[in-house]
Amino acid sequence: MSRTTALLAGLVLTTFLHLATAETYECTIGKLEYGEGEFCIFRNVSYSAKSTASIGFKTPGNSVQTRIAFEESELDHLPKEFLSKFGKDMRVLHVVRCKLQSVVITNAMEELFATDNYIEKVIVHQQSGSSPIKSIHLQSNRLEDVSNITRNCKNVTILDLSRNELLSKESVINLGMFNGLNQLEYLLLADVGALYLDYDNLPNLPSLTLLDLSMNNLLPSDLQVDKLSVLENLRVLRFNDIGFAQLDYAHLTQMKSLKQVYLEGNSFDCVYLVDMINFLNEKGIETPVARPATVCSTGFKVEKQMCCKSSDLGVPMKTTKPVSTHGSTHKPASELNEVYTSKTTETMPTMKTTGSAEMKPKTSSGNGVSKVTINFSCILVGLAMAKLSSF
């Protein structure tokens, strides 16, 4: 075989292989189990930036689609062909459990659900002055840096970064890194591996109404609850499943706007727990329980629908009588029912999810609950859908 013939044969083979690996996917219009409204749903998509030669995407009748979802698919990145076709018009993207290593927030995007992936990088095409995105859900990924989001997505109202354990540098979480997100209402930082909060750069989040720090092993000796009083509109604080045995709960009354604090799944002595709850309730701060306890581990019993250390089996823990603070004139909580409870608790029972694993509370500090699970995606989707319905 001559050299020219061999080259031609190689070229033909290369072309054939290229065509053989090209794949075109067409979406179907339908509803997701865990979302509302209709989506253009791509199923069983397989894409690797290194090994996939080319890929194509179609819509029924070549129609313009603004709500896109991937199901039962594996993509290490969003293909450039996909971004080229949908990037201009796409408003909502659901790409859950797809093994993504990066994700793109395109110019027109308003909602992003990219939970349970391997995302290390978020690429933002939006500009801070005109950013339309309102809801970002990146639970259970591998993010270390979210500066692209905080720098460019200035109008976001819901930001879920739970279960990104690399986010807390040296086990420290810096709430000040979210400063500048003046529209942010819900910040979820559950289970990000934090032991400490950074008090050198205090948060300035004027619209924040819910802060979730649950499932972190925060050290009570380091926790300075009074520092959170700078969050002037905070109404809901989640301290559940942290492993606390004690808490400077009197300082919570310094937070004039606080209406609810979640305390379940901790290691409080029962006498201490009852005193704390009674004190907070008297000051107008509710202590709701998302998962009422019915069975507790050995050495724990149920009080106020929570598991707590039983004093019947040993010497009771000494309790510290809280000092009076300026927060002693709280009125009974009622506004929260409109702002938070109606937007989450009421929607949770009807929400379904197949896009996220259940979050299990940490038990290393002895929270006393023999078996407890939280379907965290349900909470997050409820938040987003309720919030967006008000726009």
Protein backbone atom coordinates (compact mmCIF):
# COMPACT_ATOMS: atom_id res chain seq x y z
CA MET A 1 0.00 0.00 0.00
CA SER A 2 1.39 3.39 -0.99
CA ARG A 3 1.86 6.14 1.53
CA THR A 4 -0.85 8.25 -0.14
CA THR A 5 -3.32 5.38 -0.01
CA ALA A 6 -2.53 4.78 3.64
CA LEU A 7 -3.12 8.46 4.44
CA LEU A 8 -6.44 8.42 2.61
CA ALA A 9 -7.48 5.27 4.43
CA GLY A 10 -6.59 6.86 7.75
CA LEU A 11 -8.58 9.95 6.90
CA VAL A 12 -11.62 7.89 5.95
CA LEU A 13 -11.33 5.88 9.16
CA THR A 14 -11.03 9.02 11.27
CA THR A 15 -14.08 10.52 9.57
CA PHE A 16 -16.02 7.30 10.08
CA LEU A 17 -15.13 7.16 13.78
CA HIS A 18 -16.10 10.81 14.18
CA LEU A 19 -19.49 10.20 12.62
CA ALA A 20 -19.96 7.01 14.60
CA THR A 21 -19.44 8.78 17.92
CA ALA A 22 -21.69 11.74 17.08
CA GLU A 23 -25.02 11.52 18.90
CA THR A 24 -28.13 13.68 18.70
CA TYR A 25 -30.64 13.78 21.53
CA GLU A 26 -34.19 15.09 21.33
CA CYS A 27 -36.04 16.14 24.44
CA THR A 28 -39.59 15.25 25.41
CA ILE A 29 -41.97 17.75 26.97
CA GLY A 30 -43.19 16.71 30.39
CA LYS A 31 -43.10 17.28 34.13
CA LEU A 32 -40.43 16.35 36.64
CA GLU A 33 -41.33 14.39 39.74
CA TYR A 34 -39.72 17.02 41.97
CA GLY A 35 -40.61 20.21 40.11
CA GLU A 36 -43.55 22.21 38.85
CA GLY A 37 -44.39 23.14 35.29
CA GLU A 38 -43.31 21.52 32.05
CA PHE A 39 -39.72 20.95 31.00
CA CYS A 40 -37.85 19.96 27.88
CA ILE A 41 -36.37 16.75 29.34
CA PHE A 42 -33.30 15.04 27.90
CA ARG A 43 -32.87 11.46 29.09
CA ASN A 44 -29.98 9.00 28.99
CA VAL A 45 -27.51 11.57 27.69
CA SER A 46 -23.87 10.46 27.83
CA TYR A 47 -21.17 13.07 27.33
CA SER A 48 -17.47 13.30 28.12
CA ALA A 49 -15.48 16.34 27.05
CA LYS A 50 -12.45 14.14 26.42
CA SER A 51 -13.97 11.23 24.51
CA THR A 52 -17.19 12.48 22.89
CA ALA A 53 -16.37 13.79 19.42
CA SER A 54 -19.59 15.71 18.92
CA ILE A 55 -23.11 15.83 20.24
CA GLY A 56 -26.37 17.42 19.15
CA PHE A 57 -29.59 18.53 20.84
CA LYS A 58 -33.06 18.88 19.31
CA THR A 59 -36.45 20.05 20.50
CA PRO A 60 -39.84 18.91 19.19
CA GLY A 61 -40.52 20.83 16.00
CA ASN A 62 -37.36 22.82 16.63
CA SER A 63 -39.33 24.84 19.18
CA VAL A 64 -37.72 27.32 21.57
CA GLN A 65 -37.52 25.87 25.08
CA THR A 66 -36.65 27.87 28.19
CA ARG A 67 -36.94 25.16 30.89
CA ILE A 68 -34.46 22.34 30.42
CA ALA A 69 -33.80 19.21 32.48
CA PHE A 70 -31.53 16.16 32.29
CA GLU A 71 -32.58 12.83 33.77
CA GLU A 72 -30.66 9.56 34.05
CA SER A 73 -27.74 11.19 32.28
CA GLU A 74 -23.98 11.47 32.72
CA LEU A 75 -22.17 14.65 31.69
CA ASP A 76 -18.85 15.80 33.07
CA HIS A 77 -19.52 19.30 31.69
CA LEU A 78 -22.31 21.05 29.82
CA PRO A 79 -21.49 20.53 26.12
CA LYS A 80 -20.72 23.64 24.07
CA GLU A 81 -23.36 22.47 21.56
CA PHE A 82 -25.95 22.52 24.36
CA LEU A 83 -24.90 25.97 25.55
CA SER A 84 -24.90 27.29 21.99
CA LYS A 85 -28.46 26.07 21.35
CA PHE A 86 -30.09 26.90 24.69
CA GLY A 87 -27.85 29.43 26.41
CA LYS A 88 -29.60 32.50 25.04
CA ASP A 89 -33.15 31.52 26.04
CA MET A 90 -32.74 29.08 28.95
CA ARG A 91 -34.40 30.33 32.13
CA VAL A 92 -34.40 27.16 34.27
CA LEU A 93 -31.95 24.26 34.32
CA HIS A 94 -32.35 21.04 36.32
CA VAL A 95 -29.25 18.88 36.08
CA VAL A 96 -29.28 16.61 39.12
CA ARG A 97 -27.13 13.53 39.75
CA CYS A 98 -25.39 13.78 36.41
CA LYS A 99 -21.74 13.59 37.60
CA LEU A 100 -21.07 17.17 36.51
CA GLN A 101 -17.65 18.57 37.34
CA SER A 102 -18.56 22.12 36.34
CA VAL A 103 -21.73 24.06 35.62
CA VAL A 104 -22.51 27.25 33.73
CA ILE A 105 -24.92 29.99 34.80
CA THR A 106 -25.92 31.38 31.42
CA ASN A 107 -26.98 34.95 30.67
CA ALA A 108 -30.75 34.46 30.92
CA MET A 109 -30.85 31.81 33.68
CA GLU A 110 -33.17 32.47 36.62
CA GLU A 111 -33.06 29.09 38.40
CA LEU A 112 -30.33 26.48 38.70
CA PHE A 113 -30.76 23.07 40.30
CA ALA A 114 -27.46 21.19 40.10
CA THR A 115 -27.45 19.13 43.28
CA ASP A 116 -25.66 15.82 43.89
CA ASN A 117 -22.89 16.21 41.37
CA TYR A 118 -19.09 16.57 41.54
CA ILE A 119 -19.04 20.27 40.73
CA GLU A 120 -15.77 22.03 41.54
CA LYS A 121 -16.26 25.11 39.36
CA VAL A 122 -19.17 27.44 38.62
CA ILE A 123 -18.81 29.51 35.45
CA VAL A 124 -20.99 32.65 35.49
CA HIS A 125 -21.84 34.48 32.27
CA GLN A 126 -24.05 37.03 34.03
CA GLN A 127 -22.97 40.52 35.05
CA SER A 128 -23.55 41.83 38.54
CA GLY A 129 -25.51 44.90 37.45
CA SER A 130 -28.17 42.95 35.54
CA SER A 131 -28.01 39.39 36.88
CA PRO A 132 -31.45 37.72 36.55
CA ILE A 133 -30.75 34.55 38.55
CA LYS A 134 -32.79 34.28 41.75
CA SER A 135 -32.39 30.68 42.91
CA ILE A 136 -29.16 28.63 43.02
CA HIS A 137 -29.12 25.08 44.40
CA LEU A 138 -25.69 23.43 44.55
CA GLN A 139 -26.15 21.03 47.44
CA SER A 140 -23.79 18.04 47.65
CA ASN A 141 -20.91 19.06 45.41
CA ARG A 142 -17.18 19.77 45.77
CA LEU A 143 -17.08 23.54 45.76
CA GLU A 144 -14.22 25.37 47.45
CA ASP A 145 -14.75 28.80 45.91
CA VAL A 146 -18.04 30.58 45.24
CA SER A 147 -16.60 34.01 44.48
CA ASN A 148 -17.98 33.85 40.92
CA ILE A 149 -21.46 33.65 42.42
CA THR A 150 -21.00 36.30 45.10
CA ARG A 151 -19.33 38.66 42.65
CA ASN A 152 -21.77 38.34 39.73
CA CYS A 153 -25.13 37.01 40.99
CA LYS A 154 -26.10 40.03 43.04
CA ASN A 155 -29.88 39.48 42.84
CA VAL A 156 -29.97 35.89 44.11
CA THR A 157 -32.53 35.30 46.86
CA ILE A 158 -32.01 31.56 47.56
CA LEU A 159 -28.50 30.10 47.80
CA ASP A 160 -28.06 26.47 48.81
CA LEU A 161 -24.47 25.35 49.34
CA SER A 162 -25.18 22.57 51.83
CA ARG A 163 -22.92 19.53 51.86
CA ASN A 164 -20.01 21.23 50.15
CA GLU A 165 -17.50 20.24 52.80
CA LEU A 166 -14.57 21.90 51.04
CA LEU A 167 -16.26 25.26 51.44
CA SER A 168 -15.13 25.71 55.04
CA LYS A 169 -11.42 26.51 54.80
CA GLU A 170 -9.59 24.86 57.71
CA SER A 171 -13.01 24.06 59.21
CA VAL A 172 -13.93 27.77 59.35
CA ILE A 173 -16.98 29.20 57.62
CA ASN A 174 -16.87 32.91 56.83
CA LEU A 175 -20.35 34.36 56.52
CA GLY A 176 -18.79 37.64 55.42
CA MET A 177 -17.89 36.10 52.06
CA PHE A 178 -21.55 36.51 51.07
CA ASN A 179 -21.52 40.26 51.70
CA GLY A 180 -22.85 42.16 48.73
CA LEU A 181 -25.74 39.77 48.14
CA ASN A 182 -28.21 42.34 49.37
CA GLN A 183 -31.26 40.47 48.04
CA LEU A 184 -30.32 37.13 49.63
CA GLU A 185 -33.14 35.79 51.81
CA TYR A 186 -32.27 32.10 52.33
CA LEU A 187 -28.68 30.95 52.93
CA LEU A 188 -28.24 27.21 53.47
CA LEU A 189 -24.87 26.00 54.77
CA ALA A 190 -25.86 22.69 56.34
CA ASP A 191 -23.11 20.08 56.70
CA VAL A 192 -20.22 22.04 55.19
CA GLY A 193 -17.67 20.67 57.68
CA ALA A 194 -17.50 23.80 59.82
CA LEU A 195 -16.18 23.79 63.38
CA TYR A 196 -15.82 27.56 63.72
CA LEU A 197 -17.42 30.76 62.48
CA ASP A 198 -15.21 33.65 61.37
CA TYR A 199 -16.04 36.73 63.42
CA ASP A 200 -13.41 39.03 61.88
CA ASN A 201 -15.52 39.70 58.79
CA LEU A 202 -19.08 39.98 60.03
CA PRO A 203 -21.94 39.35 57.60
CA ASN A 204 -23.81 42.27 56.10
CA LEU A 205 -26.88 40.64 54.56
CA PRO A 206 -29.78 43.07 54.97
CA SER A 207 -32.46 40.80 53.44
CA LEU A 208 -31.46 37.49 55.05
CA THR A 209 -34.42 35.83 56.77
CA LEU A 210 -33.20 32.21 57.06
CA LEU A 211 -29.73 30.94 57.99
CA ASP A 212 -29.14 27.19 58.09
CA LEU A 213 -26.00 26.07 59.94
CA SER A 214 -27.35 22.64 60.86
CA MET A 215 -25.33 19.41 60.76
CA ASN A 216 -22.02 21.19 61.33
CA ASN A 217 -19.98 20.24 64.40
CA LEU A 218 -19.71 23.83 65.63
CA LEU A 219 -17.78 24.08 68.88
CA PRO A 220 -19.93 25.64 71.63
CA SER A 221 -16.84 27.27 73.15
CA ASP A 222 -16.26 29.15 69.90
CA LEU A 223 -19.86 29.99 69.01
CA GLN A 224 -20.65 33.63 69.74
CA VAL A 225 -24.37 33.84 69.18
CA ASP A 226 -24.44 37.56 69.92
CA LYS A 227 -22.35 38.23 66.79
CA LEU A 228 -25.28 37.06 64.65
CA SER A 229 -27.34 40.00 65.88
CA VAL A 230 -25.90 41.99 62.94
CA LEU A 231 -28.36 40.05 60.76
CA GLU A 232 -31.12 42.53 61.41
CA ASN A 233 -33.89 40.73 59.49
CA LEU A 234 -33.07 37.12 60.39
CA ARG A 235 -36.23 35.26 61.34
CA VAL A 236 -35.26 31.58 61.17
CA LEU A 237 -32.06 30.07 62.56
CA ARG A 238 -31.31 26.37 62.14
CA PHE A 239 -29.02 25.00 64.86
CA ASN A 240 -30.39 21.44 64.66
CA ASP A 241 -28.18 18.33 64.58
CA ILE A 242 -25.01 20.15 65.59
CA GLY A 243 -24.31 18.20 68.79
CA PHE A 244 -24.63 21.10 71.23
CA ALA A 245 -24.75 20.29 74.93
CA GLN A 246 -25.10 23.94 75.91
CA LEU A 247 -25.87 27.18 74.14
CA ASP A 248 -25.78 30.86 75.12
CA TYR A 249 -29.43 30.99 74.32
CA ALA A 250 -30.13 34.26 76.15
CA HIS A 251 -28.13 36.00 73.43
CA LEU A 252 -30.69 34.86 70.86
CA THR A 253 -33.07 37.45 72.28
CA GLN A 254 -30.66 40.17 71.14
CA MET A 255 -31.71 39.29 67.59
CA LYS A 256 -34.78 41.52 67.46
CA SER A 257 -36.21 39.92 64.32
CA LEU A 258 -35.69 36.25 65.28
CA LYS A 259 -38.93 34.26 65.32
CA GLN A 260 -37.84 30.61 65.16
CA VAL A 261 -34.80 28.56 66.16
CA TYR A 262 -34.46 24.84 65.42
CA LEU A 263 -32.71 22.89 68.20
CA GLU A 264 -33.55 19.22 67.68
CA GLY A 265 -30.89 16.56 67.29
CA ASN A 266 -28.53 17.98 69.90
CA SER A 267 -27.15 16.68 73.23
CA PHE A 268 -28.90 18.93 75.71
CA ASP A 269 -29.69 17.68 79.19
CA CYS A 270 -33.47 17.39 79.53
CA VAL A 271 -33.74 19.89 82.38
CA TYR A 272 -31.56 22.31 80.46
CA LEU A 273 -33.59 21.79 77.26
CA VAL A 274 -36.92 22.46 78.97
CA ASP A 275 -35.57 25.59 80.70
CA MET A 276 -34.13 26.86 77.42
CA ILE A 277 -37.30 26.29 75.41
CA ASN A 278 -39.50 27.86 78.09
CA PHE A 279 -37.22 30.89 78.25
CA LEU A 280 -37.14 31.38 74.47
CA ASN A 281 -40.87 30.85 74.07
CA GLU A 282 -41.55 33.43 76.79
CA LYS A 283 -39.45 35.91 74.80
CA GLY A 284 -41.46 35.29 71.65
CA ILE A 285 -39.01 32.91 69.92
CA GLU A 286 -40.61 29.69 68.72
CA THR A 287 -38.73 26.37 68.85
CA PRO A 288 -40.41 24.25 66.15
CA VAL A 289 -39.48 20.61 65.59
CA ALA A 290 -39.27 19.42 61.99
CA ARG A 291 -39.01 15.74 62.98
CA PRO A 292 -40.77 15.02 66.28
CA ALA A 293 -38.87 12.31 68.17
CA THR A 294 -40.64 9.12 69.22
CA VAL A 295 -37.69 6.81 69.98
CA CYS A 296 -34.34 7.87 71.45
CA SER A 297 -31.03 6.14 72.06
CA THR A 298 -30.10 4.67 75.44
CA GLY A 299 -29.61 7.44 77.98
CA PHE A 300 -31.93 9.82 76.17
CA LYS A 301 -35.63 10.48 76.43
CA VAL A 302 -38.24 12.63 74.70
CA GLU A 303 -38.97 16.11 75.98
CA LYS A 304 -40.66 18.82 73.96
CA GLN A 305 -40.72 16.37 71.00
CA MET A 306 -36.89 16.20 71.04
CA CYS A 307 -34.42 13.64 72.35
CA CYS A 308 -32.39 14.90 75.31
CA LYS A 309 -30.05 13.44 77.92
CA SER A 310 -32.04 11.86 80.69
CA SER A 311 -31.17 13.02 84.19
CA ASP A 312 -32.83 9.91 85.59
CA LEU A 313 -29.76 7.79 84.77
CA GLY A 314 -27.10 9.94 86.36
CA VAL A 315 -26.18 13.29 87.85
CA PRO A 316 -28.04 16.02 85.97
CA MET A 317 -26.03 18.61 84.11
CA LYS A 318 -25.75 21.93 85.85
CA THR A 319 -27.74 24.56 84.06
CA THR A 320 -26.73 28.16 83.77
CA LYS A 321 -29.46 30.67 84.42
CA PRO A 322 -29.53 33.03 81.46
CA VAL A 323 -28.88 36.68 82.12
CA SER A 324 -31.43 39.21 81.03
CA THR A 325 -30.79 40.96 77.73
CA HIS A 326 -32.30 43.74 75.73
CA GLY A 327 -34.40 41.22 73.85
CA SER A 328 -36.88 40.68 76.68
CA THR A 329 -39.77 42.52 75.04
CA HIS A 330 -40.36 40.21 72.05
CA LYS A 331 -43.94 39.93 70.87
CA PRO A 332 -45.39 36.50 69.97
CA ALA A 333 -44.19 35.33 66.57
CA SER A 334 -46.79 35.66 63.84
CA GLU A 335 -45.11 37.28 60.87
CA LEU A 336 -43.02 34.20 60.19
CA ASN A 337 -46.09 32.19 59.26
CA GLU A 338 -46.42 34.41 56.22
CA VAL A 339 -42.75 34.74 55.33
CA TYR A 340 -41.31 31.31 56.03
CA THR A 341 -43.71 28.68 57.33
CA SER A 342 -46.29 29.16 54.59
CA LYS A 343 -43.56 29.02 51.94
CA THR A 344 -41.85 25.89 53.19
CA THR A 345 -43.67 23.79 55.76
CA GLU A 346 -46.98 23.90 53.94
CA THR A 347 -45.43 22.96 50.61
CA MET A 348 -43.14 20.23 51.91
CA PRO A 349 -45.69 17.39 52.22
CA THR A 350 -46.70 17.75 48.57
CA MET A 351 -43.18 17.97 47.16
CA LYS A 352 -41.51 14.90 45.73
CA THR A 353 -37.86 14.46 44.93
CA THR A 354 -35.73 11.98 43.09
CA GLY A 355 -32.84 14.33 42.62
CA SER A 356 -31.07 14.31 45.96
CA ALA A 357 -29.96 11.88 48.60
CA GLU A 358 -31.36 12.17 52.09
CA MET A 359 -29.25 14.12 54.55
CA LYS A 360 -28.60 12.24 57.77
CA PRO A 361 -27.88 14.19 60.94
CA LYS A 362 -24.45 13.70 62.47
CA THR A 363 -24.45 11.50 65.56
CA SER A 364 -20.83 11.86 66.71
CA SER A 365 -21.90 14.14 69.55
CA GLY A 366 -24.66 11.83 70.72
CA ASN A 367 -27.82 13.49 69.52
CA GLY A 368 -29.85 10.64 70.97
CA VAL A 369 -32.02 10.00 67.96
CA SER A 370 -31.86 6.34 67.07
CA LYS A 371 -32.76 6.85 63.42
CA VAL A 372 -33.49 10.18 61.82
CA THR A 373 -33.37 11.38 58.23
CA ILE A 374 -34.05 14.68 56.53
CA ASN A 375 -35.15 14.84 52.94
CA PHE A 376 -33.31 18.12 52.44
CA SER A 377 -34.07 18.47 48.73
CA CYS A 378 -37.73 18.56 49.62
CA ILE A 379 -37.11 21.61 51.80
CA LEU A 380 -35.02 23.31 49.16
CA VAL A 381 -37.43 22.70 46.27
CA GLY A 382 -40.29 23.87 48.49
CA LEU A 383 -38.37 27.05 49.26
CA ALA A 384 -37.61 27.73 45.63
CA MET A 385 -41.05 27.01 44.24
CA ALA A 386 -42.79 29.02 46.94
CA LYS A 387 -40.40 31.91 46.54
CA LEU A 388 -40.63 31.96 42.76
CA SER A 389 -44.40 31.78 42.82
CA SER A 390 -44.39 35.19 44.52
CA PHE A 391 -42.44 36.84 41.66
